[in-house]
Amino acid sequence: MAANWAAFTAAEPDLAKTVEERFGAHAHHVLATLRKDGSPRTTGIEVRFLNGELWLGMMPDSRKALDLRRDPRFALQANPGEGTSMGGGDVRIAGRAIEVEDARTKAAYGEEVEPPEPFHLFRTELTEVVRTYVENDTYLVVQLWKPGESLRTIKRT
C-alpha cells in the first residue's frame, strides 16, 4: 500500500508539518536507490513539496534517475545539518518514485521550481515515514507511519 504526500498530510498533519520543516531546513538531502546489481546507491538531491505531492527532480540520465526507472524503490533522508543537535529529529521517507511523462505536469513544475532543462521528474508514493528524536534528554522516540495504519510511537531509554 502507498500514499501520496496529500494523503499522508491528511492522515498525520502534525508529523507531516515536522517532516516538511526538516526538509525545508536545508537544500540538499540524501537519496538511496538500487543499482542494477541490487546494491544501494546514495546521492544528493533537492526535493519539493508542491500541490499535495513530494517531487524528486534530477538531471537527465543521472545514475539516480536511471536507477529509479529500473526499480522505483527509494529511501530519502533529510539533511541532519551541522553538529549533532538535529532540531526536529531525524526524518526518513521510503516509497516508490514514478516518473512523470505528462508534459503539462512537467511544465507546471518547471514554472514553479525553474530547474535546469532538461530534467527528469518523479512523483512519490510513500510506503513509510519515520521520525526519530530525543525527548527530555531521556527517551529516544521513534514515530512510524505507514499508509492505512495508525501512527506508531515507540519510546526507548
Protein backbone atom coordinates (compact mmCIF):
# COMPACT_ATOMS: atom_id res chain seq x y z
CA MET A 1 0.00 0.00 0.00
CA ALA A 2 1.25 3.51 -0.81
CA ALA A 3 0.04 7.10 -0.44
CA ASN A 4 0.93 10.46 -1.90
CA TRP A 5 2.01 13.41 0.22
CA ALA A 6 -1.52 14.83 0.47
CA ALA A 7 -2.85 11.55 1.88
CA PHE A 8 -0.05 11.45 4.45
CA THR A 9 -0.70 15.09 5.40
CA ALA A 10 -4.42 14.35 5.85
CA ALA A 11 -3.68 11.30 8.00
CA GLU A 12 -0.93 12.85 10.16
CA PRO A 13 -0.85 16.65 9.80
CA ASP A 14 1.47 17.31 12.76
CA LEU A 15 4.07 14.78 11.66
CA ALA A 16 3.79 15.98 8.04
CA LYS A 17 4.46 19.56 9.16
CA THR A 18 7.54 18.45 11.10
CA VAL A 19 8.82 16.42 8.14
CA GLU A 20 8.38 19.35 5.74
CA GLU A 21 10.16 21.66 8.18
CA ARG A 22 13.10 19.24 8.47
CA PHE A 23 13.41 19.00 4.68
CA GLY A 24 12.95 22.77 4.37
CA ALA A 25 15.81 23.50 6.79
CA HIS A 26 18.44 22.54 4.17
CA ALA A 27 18.52 22.38 0.39
CA HIS A 28 20.38 19.08 -0.06
CA HIS A 29 19.34 15.67 1.23
CA VAL A 30 20.34 12.02 0.68
CA LEU A 31 18.50 9.73 -1.73
CA ALA A 32 19.09 5.97 -1.74
CA THR A 33 18.29 3.99 -4.88
CA LEU A 34 19.12 0.50 -6.09
CA ARG A 35 21.82 -0.21 -8.69
CA LYS A 36 21.43 -2.83 -11.44
CA ASP A 37 23.08 -5.44 -9.21
CA GLY A 38 20.72 -4.61 -6.31
CA SER A 39 23.31 -2.86 -4.17
CA PRO A 40 22.42 0.54 -2.68
CA ARG A 41 23.49 3.87 -4.16
CA THR A 42 23.26 7.12 -2.22
CA THR A 43 23.31 10.53 -3.88
CA GLY A 44 22.46 14.09 -3.01
CA ILE A 45 19.12 15.54 -4.07
CA GLU A 46 16.86 18.54 -3.62
CA VAL A 47 13.16 17.82 -3.01
CA ARG A 48 9.97 19.85 -3.35
CA PHE A 49 6.58 19.64 -1.66
CA LEU A 50 4.07 21.08 -4.16
CA ASN A 51 0.38 20.54 -4.86
CA GLY A 52 -0.01 17.61 -2.47
CA GLU A 53 3.00 15.73 -3.83
CA LEU A 54 6.60 15.14 -2.85
CA TRP A 55 8.64 15.64 -6.05
CA LEU A 56 12.12 14.46 -6.98
CA GLY A 57 13.76 16.30 -9.87
CA MET A 58 17.09 15.29 -11.36
CA MET A 59 19.47 15.82 -14.23
CA PRO A 60 18.89 13.89 -17.46
CA ASP A 61 20.25 10.36 -17.43
CA SER A 62 21.73 10.75 -13.94
CA ARG A 63 22.51 7.46 -12.22
CA LYS A 64 19.73 8.02 -9.69
CA ALA A 65 17.18 8.68 -12.45
CA LEU A 66 18.25 5.53 -14.32
CA ASP A 67 18.10 3.55 -11.05
CA LEU A 68 14.54 4.77 -10.37
CA ARG A 69 13.41 3.99 -13.91
CA ARG A 70 14.64 0.43 -13.46
CA ASP A 71 13.45 -0.03 -9.86
CA PRO A 72 11.27 2.73 -8.37
CA ARG A 73 12.01 1.94 -4.72
CA PHE A 74 13.80 4.68 -2.81
CA ALA A 75 14.69 5.93 0.65
CA LEU A 76 15.15 9.62 1.37
CA GLN A 77 16.80 11.11 4.43
CA ALA A 78 16.60 14.76 5.44
CA ASN A 79 19.92 16.53 5.86
CA PRO A 80 20.62 16.46 9.61
CA GLY A 81 22.52 19.77 9.47
CA GLU A 82 25.73 20.69 11.20
CA GLY A 83 26.69 19.22 14.55
CA THR A 84 24.53 16.74 16.40
CA SER A 85 21.55 18.79 17.55
CA MET A 86 19.24 17.73 14.66
CA GLY A 87 16.49 20.14 15.66
CA GLY A 88 13.20 18.42 14.86
CA GLY A 89 14.82 15.00 14.78
CA ASP A 90 15.99 12.64 12.08
CA VAL A 91 13.45 12.22 9.26
CA ARG A 92 13.29 9.48 6.63
CA ILE A 93 10.82 8.64 3.88
CA ALA A 94 10.60 5.43 1.86
CA GLY A 95 8.47 4.62 -1.14
CA ARG A 96 8.35 4.41 -4.91
CA ALA A 97 9.22 7.14 -7.40
CA ILE A 98 7.05 7.29 -10.52
CA GLU A 99 8.46 9.22 -13.48
CA VAL A 100 6.21 11.98 -14.79
CA GLU A 101 5.74 11.79 -18.55
CA ASP A 102 2.88 14.30 -18.80
CA ALA A 103 4.22 17.47 -20.47
CA ARG A 104 1.76 19.78 -18.70
CA THR A 105 2.67 18.48 -15.27
CA LYS A 106 6.40 18.82 -16.02
CA ALA A 107 5.85 22.33 -17.40
CA ALA A 108 3.89 23.42 -14.31
CA TYR A 109 6.65 22.02 -12.06
CA GLY A 110 9.27 23.77 -14.21
CA GLU A 111 7.48 27.11 -13.92
CA GLU A 112 7.30 26.79 -10.14
CA VAL A 113 10.80 25.42 -9.46
CA GLU A 114 12.78 26.60 -12.50
CA PRO A 115 15.12 23.59 -12.69
CA PRO A 116 17.86 23.39 -15.34
CA GLU A 117 16.42 21.95 -18.56
CA PRO A 118 16.05 19.16 -19.48
CA PHE A 119 15.24 17.21 -16.32
CA HIS A 120 13.63 14.03 -15.03
CA LEU A 121 10.68 14.48 -12.69
CA PHE A 122 9.37 11.82 -10.33
CA ARG A 123 6.34 11.98 -8.05
CA THR A 124 6.48 9.81 -4.97
CA GLU A 125 4.24 7.16 -3.47
CA LEU A 126 5.06 6.84 0.23
CA THR A 127 5.28 3.48 1.96
CA GLU A 128 6.82 4.73 5.22
CA VAL A 129 7.65 7.95 7.07
CA VAL A 130 9.88 7.80 10.15
CA ARG A 131 10.92 10.49 12.62
CA THR A 132 13.43 9.77 15.37
CA TYR A 133 14.23 12.30 18.09
CA VAL A 134 15.33 12.61 21.71
CA GLU A 135 12.76 13.72 24.27
CA ASN A 136 13.79 15.40 27.53
CA ASP A 137 17.37 14.10 27.13
CA THR A 138 15.95 10.77 28.32
CA TYR A 139 13.96 8.96 25.66
CA LEU A 140 14.69 8.03 22.09
CA VAL A 141 11.32 8.45 20.38
CA VAL A 142 10.53 6.80 17.05
CA GLN A 143 7.38 7.79 15.17
CA LEU A 144 6.49 5.41 12.32
CA TRP A 145 3.69 5.95 9.80
CA LYS A 146 2.62 3.58 7.04
CA PRO A 147 -0.37 4.03 4.72
CA GLY A 148 -3.53 2.51 6.13
CA GLU A 149 -2.05 2.21 9.63
CA SER A 150 -2.17 4.39 12.71
CA LEU A 151 0.92 6.34 13.71
CA ARG A 152 3.09 4.20 16.00
CA THR A 153 5.20 5.91 18.65
CA ILE A 154 7.92 3.94 20.40
CA LYS A 155 9.91 5.34 23.36
CA ARG A 156 13.20 3.81 24.44
CA THR A 157 15.54 4.73 27.27
